[in-house]
Amino acid sequence: MEKVKVAVIGCGVVGSGYHIPSYIANNDCEIVTFCDIIPERAEAMVEKYGVGKATSDYHEIVNDPTIEAVSVCTPNNTHSTISIDLLRAGKDVLCEKPAARNLEEALLMQEACHRSGKVLNIGVVNRFDDSVRRIKALIDAGELGEIYQVYCSFRGHRMIPGLGGAYTTKQIAGGGVLIDWGVHFLDLIMYCCGDPEPKAVFGHIHNKMGHDIKNYTYIDMWAGPPDNNGVYDVEDFVTAIIKTKGPVFTINGAWAQNIGADELFIDFLGDKAGIRMQYRIKERHSFILYSAVNGALLETIYDFNTVDKFQNEIDAFVRCVRTGEKLPSHIDNATITARMLQAIYDSSEKGKEIVL
């Protein structure tokens, strides 16, 4: 069978570090075009892998009838426009998370997907993590009983990314720690719990830590260094309670806080057993199941070999281009998470619970 012809738009950290190597490792596809508004980035990919061509104009990909599938790894403010253009041109699309800056843009993407009949998946890569899949399987099998509460913490000590740059500019990113980190945690929880319908949301965001960019104290900064003349108008802390038709979710997240301990974990609380999953960005997610059997309390550590989750994600995307299967990362699921994110922002702005 002829290989799927692929293009990658955006050759920055996510595109070059995760999507492109995963496509290269997949024997059922070939990258024919690399695109980046910084031409040298795209050209570097051509030189590194010895395949495809480079361009700085994504419309060349839109107008190329030979390209079937495209990864969109660009800043958040371009996700909606680029993805919709590609869908209308008959391309299948994998767009990095978040789907868009806000719910309105995400719904436009969903509509374009349905109208085109093409695939639109969002890069919520944890749905392809082997540990997460095992947790979901345990929940689905009833090993935890009724899941009534999920608590998650994604809190870092003075870790604001690229302070003053795209990550901290609302017009570009759409938000701060909630839309950057929170989307991963909320989507992971939704996937494990079967994507329950959200009913009501109460949340609050804080924008406290990065106003004095020049004097901001930190150890390291991804997407840095700081831009002393840049913008900082997004949240660095979020707290929220989300009621669903299933469990209640409680979240606390921080890019930056004056507590020198990072906490990244999720607790799934059931009436038969519970799971704590330690969230690691680069390593596999490990977890412990806590239960009671025959009058004894047990802690079961799950440790096993895993395949890189980005490779799983890309392999599934390439496969679905041929089969038409609907993946767990489909825009229809991503818009549910987008609706919750939007409700948290709206609740904070209005100071009241948002009923969905």
Protein backbone atom coordinates (compact mmCIF):
# COMPACT_ATOMS: atom_id res chain seq x y z
CA MET A 1 0.00 0.00 0.00
CA GLU A 2 1.25 3.49 -0.85
CA LYS A 3 2.52 5.48 2.11
CA VAL A 4 0.45 8.31 3.59
CA LYS A 5 1.93 11.64 2.51
CA VAL A 6 2.33 13.91 5.52
CA ALA A 7 3.21 17.55 6.18
CA VAL A 8 4.18 19.19 9.47
CA ILE A 9 3.34 22.85 10.06
CA GLY A 10 5.46 24.26 12.87
CA CYS A 11 9.00 22.94 13.40
CA GLY A 12 9.56 24.32 16.88
CA VAL A 13 9.93 22.33 20.10
CA VAL A 14 6.81 20.16 19.75
CA GLY A 15 6.99 19.67 15.99
CA SER A 16 10.70 18.87 15.80
CA GLY A 17 10.93 17.09 19.14
CA TYR A 18 7.86 14.83 19.00
CA HIS A 19 5.75 14.82 15.84
CA ILE A 20 8.50 14.71 13.21
CA PRO A 21 10.60 11.92 14.81
CA SER A 22 7.42 9.86 15.30
CA TYR A 23 6.42 10.21 11.65
CA ILE A 24 9.96 9.30 10.58
CA ALA A 25 9.74 6.13 12.70
CA ASN A 26 6.39 5.14 11.15
CA ASN A 27 6.81 2.89 8.10
CA ASP A 28 3.34 3.67 6.73
CA CYS A 29 3.91 7.37 6.04
CA GLU A 30 6.42 9.80 4.60
CA ILE A 31 6.91 13.50 5.33
CA VAL A 32 6.87 15.46 2.09
CA THR A 33 6.78 19.03 3.43
CA PHE A 34 8.09 20.83 6.51
CA CYS A 35 6.67 24.30 7.17
CA ASP A 36 7.68 27.04 9.57
CA ILE A 37 7.46 30.83 9.48
CA ILE A 38 11.15 30.76 10.39
CA PRO A 39 12.51 29.18 7.17
CA GLU A 40 15.69 27.91 8.82
CA ARG A 41 13.70 25.63 11.11
CA ALA A 42 11.98 23.86 8.23
CA GLU A 43 15.21 23.69 6.24
CA ALA A 44 16.97 22.13 9.23
CA MET A 45 14.42 19.30 9.27
CA VAL A 46 14.97 18.59 5.56
CA GLU A 47 18.70 18.49 6.15
CA LYS A 48 18.46 16.38 9.31
CA TYR A 49 16.21 13.67 7.91
CA GLY A 50 17.02 13.87 4.22
CA VAL A 51 13.38 13.89 3.14
CA GLY A 52 10.78 16.35 1.91
CA LYS A 53 11.00 20.03 1.16
CA ALA A 54 10.82 23.20 3.23
CA THR A 55 8.39 26.11 3.02
CA SER A 56 7.43 29.10 5.14
CA ASP A 57 3.87 29.36 3.74
CA TYR A 58 1.35 26.80 4.99
CA HIS A 59 -0.91 27.58 2.03
CA GLU A 60 1.49 25.53 -0.12
CA ILE A 61 0.39 22.53 1.94
CA VAL A 62 -3.27 23.51 1.73
CA ASN A 63 -3.03 23.67 -2.06
CA ASP A 64 -0.97 20.49 -2.55
CA PRO A 65 -3.41 17.73 -3.54
CA THR A 66 -0.87 14.98 -2.85
CA ILE A 67 -0.69 15.71 0.89
CA GLU A 68 -3.22 13.67 2.86
CA ALA A 69 -2.43 14.32 6.52
CA VAL A 70 -1.00 17.28 8.42
CA SER A 71 0.26 17.95 11.93
CA VAL A 72 -0.36 21.50 13.14
CA CYS A 73 2.25 22.40 15.76
CA THR A 74 1.90 26.19 15.75
CA PRO A 75 0.99 28.75 18.46
CA ASN A 76 -2.54 28.52 19.86
CA ASN A 77 -3.85 31.60 18.06
CA THR A 78 -3.32 29.92 14.67
CA HIS A 79 -4.78 26.48 15.45
CA SER A 80 -8.32 27.26 14.37
CA THR A 81 -7.52 29.11 11.13
CA ILE A 82 -4.91 26.65 9.88
CA SER A 83 -6.88 23.53 10.81
CA ILE A 84 -10.07 24.81 9.17
CA ASP A 85 -8.18 25.71 5.98
CA LEU A 86 -6.69 22.23 5.85
CA LEU A 87 -10.02 20.48 6.50
CA ARG A 88 -11.72 22.48 3.76
CA ALA A 89 -8.92 21.40 1.41
CA GLY A 90 -9.64 17.75 2.17
CA LYS A 91 -6.75 17.05 4.55
CA ASP A 92 -6.86 14.96 7.71
CA VAL A 93 -5.50 16.97 10.62
CA LEU A 94 -3.75 16.36 13.93
CA CYS A 95 -3.68 19.72 15.74
CA GLU A 96 -1.63 20.15 18.88
CA LYS A 97 -3.36 20.93 22.15
CA PRO A 98 -5.24 22.99 23.13
CA ALA A 99 -7.71 22.79 20.26
CA ALA A 100 -7.95 26.57 20.29
CA ARG A 101 -7.72 29.66 22.48
CA ASN A 102 -11.38 29.47 23.49
CA LEU A 103 -14.56 27.44 23.09
CA GLU A 104 -15.86 29.52 20.17
CA GLU A 105 -12.81 28.72 18.05
CA ALA A 106 -12.90 25.04 19.03
CA LEU A 107 -16.55 24.77 17.97
CA LEU A 108 -15.71 26.31 14.58
CA MET A 109 -13.06 23.62 14.15
CA GLN A 110 -15.56 20.92 15.09
CA GLU A 111 -18.08 22.27 12.58
CA ALA A 112 -15.45 22.34 9.81
CA CYS A 113 -14.53 18.75 10.65
CA HIS A 114 -18.11 17.55 10.36
CA ARG A 115 -18.70 19.47 7.14
CA SER A 116 -15.55 18.15 5.50
CA GLY A 117 -15.95 14.54 6.55
CA LYS A 118 -12.23 14.49 7.31
CA VAL A 119 -10.36 13.62 10.50
CA LEU A 120 -9.59 16.27 13.11
CA ASN A 121 -7.73 14.97 16.14
CA ILE A 122 -6.30 17.11 18.93
CA GLY A 123 -2.88 16.43 20.46
CA VAL A 124 -4.09 15.31 23.87
CA VAL A 125 -1.30 12.78 23.86
CA ASN A 126 -2.07 11.27 27.27
CA ARG A 127 -4.95 9.36 25.70
CA PHE A 128 -2.22 7.34 24.00
CA ASP A 129 -0.10 6.80 27.13
CA ASP A 130 0.16 3.14 28.09
CA SER A 131 -0.14 3.89 31.82
CA VAL A 132 -3.23 6.01 31.31
CA ARG A 133 -4.79 3.27 29.20
CA ARG A 134 -4.15 0.77 31.99
CA ILE A 135 -5.81 3.05 34.53
CA LYS A 136 -8.83 3.44 32.26
CA ALA A 137 -9.02 -0.34 31.83
CA LEU A 138 -9.02 -0.84 35.61
CA ILE A 139 -11.78 1.75 36.03
CA ASP A 140 -13.83 0.28 33.17
CA ALA A 141 -13.48 -3.20 34.69
CA GLY A 142 -14.92 -1.94 37.98
CA GLU A 143 -11.74 -2.52 40.00
CA LEU A 144 -12.17 0.84 41.75
CA GLY A 145 -15.93 0.54 42.14
CA GLU A 146 -17.81 3.82 41.77
CA ILE A 147 -15.48 6.72 40.99
CA TYR A 148 -17.00 9.56 42.99
CA GLN A 149 -14.15 12.09 43.19
CA VAL A 150 -11.02 12.90 41.21
CA TYR A 151 -8.43 15.31 42.56
CA CYS A 152 -5.49 16.59 40.57
CA SER A 153 -2.59 18.90 41.29
CA PHE A 154 -0.28 20.38 38.67
CA ARG A 155 1.76 22.86 40.64
CA GLY A 156 5.26 24.10 39.89
CA HIS A 157 7.63 26.39 41.78
CA ARG A 158 8.30 29.56 39.70
CA MET A 159 8.15 27.76 36.34
CA ILE A 160 6.45 30.36 34.12
CA PRO A 161 7.45 29.52 30.51
CA GLY A 162 8.97 32.20 28.30
CA LEU A 163 7.86 35.01 30.59
CA GLY A 164 6.80 37.97 28.45
CA GLY A 165 6.52 35.85 25.30
CA ALA A 166 3.82 33.88 23.48
CA TYR A 167 2.98 31.63 26.44
CA THR A 168 2.14 34.59 28.68
CA THR A 169 0.31 36.70 26.08
CA LYS A 170 -3.44 36.00 26.18
CA GLN A 171 -4.02 37.14 22.59
CA ILE A 172 -1.67 34.38 21.42
CA ALA A 173 -2.10 31.60 23.97
CA GLY A 174 -5.69 32.18 25.12
CA GLY A 175 -4.70 31.65 28.74
CA GLY A 176 -1.94 30.52 31.06
CA VAL A 177 -1.40 27.46 33.22
CA LEU A 178 -4.99 26.23 32.78
CA ILE A 179 -4.89 26.11 28.99
CA ASP A 180 -1.25 24.99 28.88
CA TRP A 181 -1.02 22.33 31.60
CA GLY A 182 -4.63 22.03 32.73
CA VAL A 183 -5.89 20.80 29.38
CA HIS A 184 -3.65 17.73 29.70
CA PHE A 185 -4.86 16.91 33.20
CA LEU A 186 -8.54 17.53 32.57
CA ASP A 187 -8.49 15.57 29.33
CA LEU A 188 -6.67 12.66 30.95
CA ILE A 189 -9.26 12.55 33.73
CA MET A 190 -12.13 12.76 31.26
CA TYR A 191 -10.69 9.90 29.20
CA CYS A 192 -10.19 7.61 32.21
CA CYS A 193 -13.70 8.36 33.50
CA GLY A 194 -15.41 7.78 30.14
CA ASP A 195 -15.87 11.43 29.12
CA PRO A 196 -18.77 12.17 31.51
CA GLU A 197 -20.98 15.13 30.63
CA PRO A 198 -19.99 18.23 32.65
CA LYS A 199 -22.89 19.83 34.53
CA ALA A 200 -21.52 22.82 36.46
CA VAL A 201 -18.21 24.56 37.10
CA PHE A 202 -16.92 26.91 39.77
CA GLY A 203 -13.38 28.20 39.42
CA HIS A 204 -10.99 31.04 40.03
CA ILE A 205 -7.75 32.09 38.37
CA HIS A 206 -4.92 34.25 39.75
CA ASN A 207 -2.43 36.41 37.88
CA LYS A 208 0.12 37.24 40.58
CA MET A 209 3.67 36.07 40.08
CA GLY A 210 5.13 37.43 36.87
CA HIS A 211 4.25 41.10 36.61
CA ASP A 212 7.76 42.33 37.37
CA ILE A 213 9.36 40.47 34.47
CA LYS A 214 12.80 42.04 34.87
CA ASN A 215 13.11 41.00 38.52
CA TYR A 216 11.31 37.63 38.34
CA THR A 217 13.40 35.04 40.17
CA TYR A 218 13.58 31.52 38.75
CA ILE A 219 15.96 28.57 38.37
CA ASP A 220 15.21 27.61 34.79
CA MET A 221 12.62 28.57 32.18
CA TRP A 222 11.48 26.55 29.20
CA ALA A 223 10.47 28.64 26.18
CA GLY A 224 12.70 31.36 27.66
CA PRO A 225 14.57 33.52 28.34
CA PRO A 226 12.26 36.27 29.65
CA ASP A 227 11.32 39.20 27.44
CA ASN A 228 11.57 42.20 29.74
CA ASN A 229 9.47 44.27 27.35
CA GLY A 230 6.88 41.57 26.79
CA VAL A 231 3.34 40.86 27.99
CA TYR A 232 2.14 38.98 31.05
CA ASP A 233 -1.66 38.93 31.13
CA VAL A 234 -2.52 35.24 31.74
CA GLU A 235 -3.13 33.22 34.90
CA ASP A 236 -0.35 31.52 36.84
CA PHE A 237 -2.71 29.74 39.28
CA VAL A 238 -6.10 28.07 38.90
CA THR A 239 -8.45 26.26 41.24
CA ALA A 240 -11.79 24.73 40.27
CA ILE A 241 -14.53 22.25 41.09
CA ILE A 242 -16.27 20.54 38.18
CA LYS A 243 -19.48 18.57 38.63
CA THR A 244 -20.21 15.93 35.98
CA LYS A 245 -22.79 13.21 35.47
CA GLY A 246 -20.11 10.98 36.96
CA PRO A 247 -17.51 12.04 39.52
CA VAL A 248 -16.68 15.49 40.80
CA PHE A 249 -13.29 16.87 39.73
CA THR A 250 -11.18 19.14 41.92
CA ILE A 251 -8.15 20.80 40.34
CA ASN A 252 -5.35 23.03 41.60
CA GLY A 253 -2.70 24.18 39.17
CA ALA A 254 0.20 26.62 39.21
CA TRP A 255 2.95 27.63 36.82
CA ALA A 256 4.44 29.50 39.74
CA GLN A 257 3.94 29.57 43.47
CA ASN A 258 5.97 30.44 46.53
CA ILE A 259 6.11 26.83 47.66
CA GLY A 260 9.31 25.07 46.69
CA ALA A 261 7.80 21.72 45.81
CA ASP A 262 6.42 20.53 42.49
CA GLU A 263 3.25 18.42 42.68
CA LEU A 264 1.95 16.71 39.59
CA PHE A 265 -0.43 13.88 40.36
CA ILE A 266 -4.00 12.68 39.94
CA ASP A 267 -6.04 10.76 42.54
CA PHE A 268 -8.93 8.60 41.30
CA LEU A 269 -11.09 7.86 44.34
CA GLY A 270 -13.46 4.90 44.16
CA ASP A 271 -15.52 3.19 46.84
CA LYS A 272 -13.61 -0.09 46.31
CA ALA A 273 -10.11 1.20 45.57
CA GLY A 274 -8.18 4.30 44.58
CA ILE A 275 -5.32 5.16 42.26
CA ARG A 276 -2.64 7.84 42.56
CA MET A 277 -0.93 8.53 39.27
CA GLN A 278 2.32 10.49 39.33
CA TYR A 279 2.41 12.72 36.24
CA ARG A 280 5.77 12.89 34.53
CA ILE A 281 6.14 14.90 31.35
CA LYS A 282 9.02 12.96 29.77
CA GLU A 283 8.95 9.64 31.59
CA ARG A 284 6.08 7.19 31.73
CA HIS A 285 3.31 7.81 34.24
CA SER A 286 3.61 5.44 37.22
CA PHE A 287 0.72 4.64 39.51
CA ILE A 288 -0.25 2.81 42.69
CA LEU A 289 -3.59 1.12 43.37
CA TYR A 290 -4.75 1.27 46.99
CA SER A 291 -7.28 -1.37 48.07
CA ALA A 292 -8.47 -3.57 50.93
CA VAL A 293 -8.63 -7.37 50.59
CA ASN A 294 -9.43 -9.96 53.26
CA GLY A 295 -9.04 -7.50 56.10
CA ALA A 296 -5.74 -6.13 54.85
CA LEU A 297 -4.79 -2.86 53.18
CA LEU A 298 -2.87 -3.31 49.94
CA GLU A 299 -0.70 -1.09 47.78
CA THR A 300 -0.16 -2.45 44.28
CA ILE A 301 2.58 -0.79 42.24
CA TYR A 302 2.10 -0.93 38.48
CA ASP A 303 5.39 -0.98 36.59
CA PHE A 304 5.75 -2.15 32.99
CA ASN A 305 7.37 -1.45 29.64
CA THR A 306 5.74 1.30 27.60
CA VAL A 307 5.87 2.68 24.08
CA ASP A 308 6.47 6.43 23.69
CA LYS A 309 3.05 8.09 23.85
CA PHE A 310 3.80 10.45 20.97
CA GLN A 311 4.70 7.45 18.82
CA ASN A 312 1.41 5.81 19.83
CA GLU A 313 -0.44 9.01 18.93
CA ILE A 314 1.20 9.43 15.51
CA ASP A 315 0.82 5.74 14.67
CA ALA A 316 -2.90 5.91 15.50
CA PHE A 317 -3.34 9.09 13.44
CA VAL A 318 -1.64 7.60 10.38
CA ARG A 319 -3.74 4.47 10.77
CA CYS A 320 -7.02 6.36 11.06
CA VAL A 321 -6.26 8.29 7.86
CA ARG A 322 -6.59 4.94 6.08
CA THR A 323 -9.31 3.31 8.19
CA GLY A 324 -11.49 6.31 9.09
CA GLU A 325 -11.74 5.13 12.70
CA LYS A 326 -12.67 7.72 15.30
CA LEU A 327 -9.87 8.05 17.83
CA PRO A 328 -10.29 9.04 21.50
CA SER A 329 -8.56 12.35 20.64
CA HIS A 330 -11.25 13.35 18.10
CA ILE A 331 -12.40 16.98 18.17
CA ASP A 332 -15.81 15.83 19.44
CA ASN A 333 -14.17 14.80 22.73
CA ALA A 334 -11.79 17.76 22.79
CA THR A 335 -14.67 20.24 22.66
CA ILE A 336 -16.05 18.80 25.91
CA THR A 337 -12.78 19.66 27.63
CA ALA A 338 -12.76 23.06 25.89
CA ARG A 339 -16.21 23.72 27.30
CA MET A 340 -14.96 23.05 30.84
CA LEU A 341 -11.89 25.25 30.38
CA GLN A 342 -14.07 28.08 29.10
CA ALA A 343 -16.46 27.64 32.05
CA ILE A 344 -13.57 27.97 34.54
CA TYR A 345 -12.47 31.24 32.94
CA ASP A 346 -16.08 32.49 32.80
CA SER A 347 -16.72 31.49 36.42
CA SER A 348 -13.65 33.37 37.58
CA GLU A 349 -14.63 36.48 35.62
CA LYS A 350 -18.25 36.46 36.81
CA GLY A 351 -17.60 35.24 40.35
CA LYS A 352 -20.24 32.52 40.24
CA GLU A 353 -20.90 28.92 39.28
CA ILE A 354 -21.42 28.28 35.57
CA VAL A 355 -24.18 25.78 34.78
CA LEU A 356 -23.54 23.90 31.54
